[in-house]
Amino acid sequence: MKDPYYRDNVTSQGERFSSLLLCHKLRALGHDSVALTAEDCGIRAVGSPLNGNADWWRPRGR
């Protein structure tokens, strides 16, 4: 697993799965909940693979 893009993708799957688990747990407790990914929210990554950050300031669609 030397490809940094692949490693980023594999690592992000755990984050996506944990957000789904939290969503379902909140629903089971009677709360409204929706699992969203960063992409769903319009958050983009900047930087190089394995060393990126969220770009909080760029508006969605740009």
PDB file of N, CA and C in Angstrom:
ATOM      1  N   MET A   1       0.857  -1.175   0.000  1.00  0.00           N
ATOM      2  CA  MET A   1       0.000   0.000   0.000  1.00  0.00           C
ATOM      3  C   MET A   1       0.907   1.242   0.000  1.00  0.00           C
ATOM      4  N   LYS A   2       1.578   1.470  -1.101  1.00  0.00           N
ATOM      5  CA  LYS A   2       2.495   2.604  -1.179  1.00  0.00           C
ATOM      6  C   LYS A   2       1.870   3.824  -1.827  1.00  0.00           C
ATOM      7  N   ASP A   3       0.787   3.651  -2.545  1.00  0.00           N
ATOM      8  CA  ASP A   3       0.144   4.783  -3.211  1.00  0.00           C
ATOM      9  C   ASP A   3      -0.546   5.665  -2.164  1.00  0.00           C
ATOM     10  N   PRO A   4      -0.113   6.930  -2.009  1.00  0.00           N
ATOM     11  CA  PRO A   4      -0.700   7.784  -0.963  1.00  0.00           C
ATOM     12  C   PRO A   4      -2.187   8.066  -1.193  1.00  0.00           C
ATOM     13  N   TYR A   5      -2.634   8.122  -2.437  1.00  0.00           N
ATOM     14  CA  TYR A   5      -4.063   8.334  -2.700  1.00  0.00           C
ATOM     15  C   TYR A   5      -4.875   7.150  -2.199  1.00  0.00           C
ATOM     16  N   TYR A   6      -4.363   5.942  -2.405  1.00  0.00           N
ATOM     17  CA  TYR A   6      -5.027   4.736  -1.937  1.00  0.00           C
ATOM     18  C   TYR A   6      -5.081   4.727  -0.408  1.00  0.00           C
ATOM     19  N   ARG A   7      -3.971   5.062   0.230  1.00  0.00           N
ATOM     20  CA  ARG A   7      -3.936   5.080   1.694  1.00  0.00           C
ATOM     21  C   ARG A   7      -4.922   6.098   2.259  1.00  0.00           C
ATOM     22  N   ASP A   8      -5.003   7.273   1.644  1.00  0.00           N
ATOM     23  CA  ASP A   8      -5.988   8.265   2.083  1.00  0.00           C
ATOM     24  C   ASP A   8      -7.405   7.721   1.956  1.00  0.00           C
ATOM     25  N   ASN A   9      -7.670   7.047   0.848  1.00  0.00           N
ATOM     26  CA  ASN A   9      -9.007   6.502   0.618  1.00  0.00           C
ATOM     27  C   ASN A   9      -9.347   5.441   1.668  1.00  0.00           C
ATOM     28  N   VAL A  10      -8.420   4.542   1.940  1.00  0.00           N
ATOM     29  CA  VAL A  10      -8.658   3.487   2.932  1.00  0.00           C
ATOM     30  C   VAL A  10      -8.878   4.100   4.311  1.00  0.00           C
ATOM     31  N   THR A  11      -8.056   5.067   4.674  1.00  0.00           N
ATOM     32  CA  THR A  11      -8.181   5.716   5.979  1.00  0.00           C
ATOM     33  C   THR A  11      -9.525   6.410   6.125  1.00  0.00           C
ATOM     34  N   SER A  12      -9.990   7.041   5.080  1.00  0.00           N
ATOM     35  CA  SER A  12     -11.252   7.779   5.166  1.00  0.00           C
ATOM     36  C   SER A  12     -12.457   6.854   5.332  1.00  0.00           C
ATOM     37  N   GLN A  13     -12.324   5.591   4.938  1.00  0.00           N
ATOM     38  CA  GLN A  13     -13.449   4.666   5.076  1.00  0.00           C
ATOM     39  C   GLN A  13     -13.825   4.466   6.534  1.00  0.00           C
ATOM     40  N   GLY A  14     -12.853   4.445   7.419  1.00  0.00           N
ATOM     41  CA  GLY A  14     -13.145   4.322   8.856  1.00  0.00           C
ATOM     42  C   GLY A  14     -13.921   5.515   9.368  1.00  0.00           C
ATOM     43  N   GLU A  15     -13.564   6.696   8.895  1.00  0.00           N
ATOM     44  CA  GLU A  15     -14.289   7.904   9.300  1.00  0.00           C
ATOM     45  C   GLU A  15     -15.729   7.871   8.787  1.00  0.00           C
ATOM     46  N   ARG A  16     -15.892   7.430   7.561  1.00  0.00           N
ATOM     47  CA  ARG A  16     -17.243   7.341   6.987  1.00  0.00           C
ATOM     48  C   ARG A  16     -18.091   6.313   7.736  1.00  0.00           C
ATOM     49  N   PHE A  17     -17.487   5.179   8.066  1.00  0.00           N
ATOM     50  CA  PHE A  17     -18.211   4.136   8.778  1.00  0.00           C
ATOM     51  C   PHE A  17     -18.598   4.592  10.180  1.00  0.00           C
ATOM     52  N   SER A  18     -17.700   5.285  10.872  1.00  0.00           N
ATOM     53  CA  SER A  18     -18.018   5.726  12.228  1.00  0.00           C
ATOM     54  C   SER A  18     -19.134   6.768  12.215  1.00  0.00           C
ATOM     55  N   SER A  19     -19.205   7.607  11.171  1.00  0.00           N
ATOM     56  CA  SER A  19     -20.308   8.572  11.109  1.00  0.00           C
ATOM     57  C   SER A  19     -21.641   7.855  10.885  1.00  0.00           C
ATOM     58  N   LEU A  20     -21.624   6.771  10.111  1.00  0.00           N
ATOM     59  CA  LEU A  20     -22.849   5.979   9.939  1.00  0.00           C
ATOM     60  C   LEU A  20     -23.276   5.326  11.248  1.00  0.00           C
ATOM     61  N   LEU A  21     -22.300   4.774  11.987  1.00  0.00           N
ATOM     62  CA  LEU A  21     -22.621   4.156  13.275  1.00  0.00           C
ATOM     63  C   LEU A  21     -23.225   5.166  14.242  1.00  0.00           C
ATOM     64  N   LEU A  22     -22.631   6.347  14.320  1.00  0.00           N
ATOM     65  CA  LEU A  22     -23.152   7.388  15.202  1.00  0.00           C
ATOM     66  C   LEU A  22     -24.561   7.790  14.781  1.00  0.00           C
ATOM     67  N   CYS A  23     -24.785   7.941  13.501  1.00  0.00           N
ATOM     68  CA  CYS A  23     -26.114   8.302  12.998  1.00  0.00           C
ATOM     69  C   CYS A  23     -27.165   7.266  13.423  1.00  0.00           C
ATOM     70  N   HIS A  24     -26.833   5.995  13.233  1.00  0.00           N
ATOM     71  CA  HIS A  24     -27.798   4.943  13.583  1.00  0.00           C
ATOM     72  C   HIS A  24     -28.017   4.859  15.096  1.00  0.00           C
ATOM     73  N   LYS A  25     -26.984   5.093  15.871  1.00  0.00           N
ATOM     74  CA  LYS A  25     -27.138   5.080  17.331  1.00  0.00           C
ATOM     75  C   LYS A  25     -28.040   6.227  17.784  1.00  0.00           C
ATOM     76  N   LEU A  26     -27.833   7.416  17.220  1.00  0.00           N
ATOM     77  CA  LEU A  26     -28.686   8.554  17.567  1.00  0.00           C
ATOM     78  C   LEU A  26     -30.136   8.292  17.188  1.00  0.00           C
ATOM     79  N   ARG A  27     -30.343   7.684  16.028  1.00  0.00           N
ATOM     80  CA  ARG A  27     -31.714   7.326  15.619  1.00  0.00           C
ATOM     81  C   ARG A  27     -32.330   6.328  16.590  1.00  0.00           C
ATOM     82  N   ALA A  28     -31.536   5.355  17.012  1.00  0.00           N
ATOM     83  CA  ALA A  28     -32.034   4.349  17.958  1.00  0.00           C
ATOM     84  C   ALA A  28     -32.426   4.988  19.291  1.00  0.00           C
ATOM     85  N   LEU A  29     -31.786   6.090  19.629  1.00  0.00           N
ATOM     86  CA  LEU A  29     -32.118   6.811  20.859  1.00  0.00           C
ATOM     87  C   LEU A  29     -33.275   7.788  20.673  1.00  0.00           C
ATOM     88  N   GLY A  30     -33.832   7.829  19.455  1.00  0.00           N
ATOM     89  CA  GLY A  30     -34.996   8.668  19.198  1.00  0.00           C
ATOM     90  C   GLY A  30     -34.698  10.052  18.653  1.00  0.00           C
ATOM     91  N   HIS A  31     -33.470  10.298  18.252  1.00  0.00           N
ATOM     92  CA  HIS A  31     -33.101  11.614  17.711  1.00  0.00           C
ATOM     93  C   HIS A  31     -33.119  11.582  16.190  1.00  0.00           C
ATOM     94  N   ASP A  32     -33.417  12.709  15.582  1.00  0.00           N
ATOM     95  CA  ASP A  32     -33.269  12.826  14.137  1.00  0.00           C
ATOM     96  C   ASP A  32     -31.780  12.910  13.827  1.00  0.00           C
ATOM     97  N   SER A  33     -31.344  12.171  12.830  1.00  0.00           N
ATOM     98  CA  SER A  33     -29.931  12.172  12.486  1.00  0.00           C
ATOM     99  C   SER A  33     -29.745  11.796  11.024  1.00  0.00           C
ATOM    100  N   VAL A  34     -28.770  12.424  10.397  1.00  0.00           N
ATOM    101  CA  VAL A  34     -28.419  12.133   9.013  1.00  0.00           C
ATOM    102  C   VAL A  34     -26.904  12.004   8.939  1.00  0.00           C
ATOM    103  N   ALA A  35     -26.419  10.928   8.354  1.00  0.00           N
ATOM    104  CA  ALA A  35     -24.978  10.753   8.167  1.00  0.00           C
ATOM    105  C   ALA A  35     -24.565  11.477   6.890  1.00  0.00           C
ATOM    106  N   LEU A  36     -23.609  12.362   7.020  1.00  0.00           N
ATOM    107  CA  LEU A  36     -23.105  13.116   5.873  1.00  0.00           C
ATOM    108  C   LEU A  36     -21.607  12.915   5.739  1.00  0.00           C
ATOM    109  N   THR A  37     -21.144  12.906   4.507  1.00  0.00           N
ATOM    110  CA  THR A  37     -19.707  12.891   4.261  1.00  0.00           C
ATOM    111  C   THR A  37     -19.236  14.330   4.075  1.00  0.00           C
ATOM    112  N   ALA A  38     -17.946  14.519   4.079  1.00  0.00           N
ATOM    113  CA  ALA A  38     -17.395  15.855   3.820  1.00  0.00           C
ATOM    114  C   ALA A  38     -17.859  16.354   2.455  1.00  0.00           C
ATOM    115  N   GLU A  39     -17.890  15.450   1.484  1.00  0.00           N
ATOM    116  CA  GLU A  39     -18.328  15.839   0.144  1.00  0.00           C
ATOM    117  C   GLU A  39     -19.783  16.307   0.141  1.00  0.00           C
ATOM    118  N   ASP A  40     -20.622  15.629   0.924  1.00  0.00           N
ATOM    119  CA  ASP A  40     -22.032  16.022   1.023  1.00  0.00           C
ATOM    120  C   ASP A  40     -22.170  17.443   1.565  1.00  0.00           C
ATOM    121  N   CYS A  41     -21.259  17.829   2.431  1.00  0.00           N
ATOM    122  CA  CYS A  41     -21.302  19.153   3.063  1.00  0.00           C
ATOM    123  C   CYS A  41     -20.551  20.215   2.267  1.00  0.00           C
ATOM    124  N   GLY A  42     -19.892  19.802   1.191  1.00  0.00           N
ATOM    125  CA  GLY A  42     -19.140  20.757   0.381  1.00  0.00           C
ATOM    126  C   GLY A  42     -17.748  21.052   0.898  1.00  0.00           C
ATOM    127  N   ILE A  43     -17.245  20.239   1.817  1.00  0.00           N
ATOM    128  CA  ILE A  43     -15.900  20.437   2.348  1.00  0.00           C
ATOM    129  C   ILE A  43     -14.908  19.761   1.406  1.00  0.00           C
ATOM    130  N   ARG A  44     -13.864  20.482   1.058  1.00  0.00           N
ATOM    131  CA  ARG A  44     -12.855  19.960   0.147  1.00  0.00           C
ATOM    132  C   ARG A  44     -11.519  19.851   0.846  1.00  0.00           C
ATOM    133  N   ALA A  45     -10.720  18.914   0.355  1.00  0.00           N
ATOM    134  CA  ALA A  45      -9.374  18.745   0.898  1.00  0.00           C
ATOM    135  C   ALA A  45      -8.379  19.528   0.053  1.00  0.00           C
ATOM    136  N   VAL A  46      -7.402  20.086   0.715  1.00  0.00           N
ATOM    137  CA  VAL A  46      -6.288  20.753   0.046  1.00  0.00           C
ATOM    138  C   VAL A  46      -4.996  20.179   0.615  1.00  0.00           C
ATOM    139  N   GLY A  47      -3.954  20.224  -0.167  1.00  0.00           N
ATOM    140  CA  GLY A  47      -2.669  19.704   0.266  1.00  0.00           C
ATOM    141  C   GLY A  47      -2.347  18.409  -0.434  1.00  0.00           C
ATOM    142  N   SER A  48      -1.243  17.835  -0.054  1.00  0.00           N
ATOM    143  CA  SER A  48      -0.794  16.601  -0.683  1.00  0.00           C
ATOM    144  C   SER A  48      -1.407  15.393   0.025  1.00  0.00           C
ATOM    145  N   PRO A  49      -1.453  14.248  -0.668  1.00  0.00           N
ATOM    146  CA  PRO A  49      -1.988  13.040  -0.040  1.00  0.00           C
ATOM    147  C   PRO A  49      -1.219  12.703   1.239  1.00  0.00           C
ATOM    148  N   LEU A  50      -1.920  12.242   2.231  1.00  0.00           N
ATOM    149  CA  LEU A  50      -1.420  11.890   3.558  1.00  0.00           C
ATOM    150  C   LEU A  50      -1.019  13.112   4.375  1.00  0.00           C
ATOM    151  N   ASN A  51      -1.200  14.299   3.815  1.00  0.00           N
ATOM    152  CA  ASN A  51      -0.846  15.509   4.540  1.00  0.00           C
ATOM    153  C   ASN A  51      -1.822  16.632   4.182  1.00  0.00           C
ATOM    154  N   GLY A  52      -3.065  16.270   3.912  1.00  0.00           N
ATOM    155  CA  GLY A  52      -4.054  17.264   3.514  1.00  0.00           C
ATOM    156  C   GLY A  52      -4.830  17.818   4.690  1.00  0.00           C
ATOM    157  N   ASN A  53      -5.546  18.875   4.412  1.00  0.00           N
ATOM    158  CA  ASN A  53      -6.408  19.524   5.404  1.00  0.00           C
ATOM    159  C   ASN A  53      -7.714  19.915   4.741  1.00  0.00           C
ATOM    160  N   ALA A  54      -8.693  20.198   5.548  1.00  0.00           N
ATOM    161  CA  ALA A  54      -9.970  20.681   5.030  1.00  0.00           C
ATOM    162  C   ALA A  54      -9.839  22.145   4.655  1.00  0.00           C
ATOM    163  N   ASP A  55     -10.376  22.503   3.499  1.00  0.00           N
ATOM    164  CA  ASP A  55     -10.405  23.904   3.080  1.00  0.00           C
ATOM    165  C   ASP A  55     -11.767  24.460   3.497  1.00  0.00           C
ATOM    166  N   TRP A  56     -11.824  25.070   4.667  1.00  0.00           N
ATOM    167  CA  TRP A  56     -13.077  25.571   5.235  1.00  0.00           C
ATOM    168  C   TRP A  56     -13.537  26.858   4.588  1.00  0.00           C
ATOM    169  N   TRP A  57     -12.667  27.540   3.864  1.00  0.00           N
ATOM    170  CA  TRP A  57     -12.980  28.883   3.401  1.00  0.00           C
ATOM    171  C   TRP A  57     -13.415  28.965   1.947  1.00  0.00           C
ATOM    172  N   ARG A  58     -13.183  27.934   1.160  1.00  0.00           N
ATOM    173  CA  ARG A  58     -13.593  27.958  -0.245  1.00  0.00           C
ATOM    174  C   ARG A  58     -15.076  27.604  -0.338  1.00  0.00           C
ATOM    175  N   PRO A  59     -15.878  28.487  -0.932  1.00  0.00           N
ATOM    176  CA  PRO A  59     -17.312  28.180  -1.066  1.00  0.00           C
ATOM    177  C   PRO A  59     -17.534  26.951  -1.941  1.00  0.00           C
ATOM    178  N   ARG A  60     -18.612  26.263  -1.687  1.00  0.00           N
ATOM    179  CA  ARG A  60     -18.960  25.079  -2.466  1.00  0.00           C
ATOM    180  C   ARG A  60     -19.136  25.451  -3.929  1.00  0.00           C
ATOM    181  N   GLY A  61     -18.643  24.578  -4.813  1.00  0.00           N
ATOM    182  CA  GLY A  61     -18.795  24.776  -6.236  1.00  0.00           C
ATOM    183  C   GLY A  61     -17.686  25.607  -6.868  1.00  0.00           C
ATOM    184  N   ARG A  62     -16.689  25.980  -6.075  1.00  0.00           N
ATOM    185  CA  ARG A  62     -15.571  26.758  -6.642  1.00  0.00           C
ATOM    186  C   ARG A  62     -14.281  26.019  -6.500  1.00  0.00           C
TER     187      ARG A  62
END
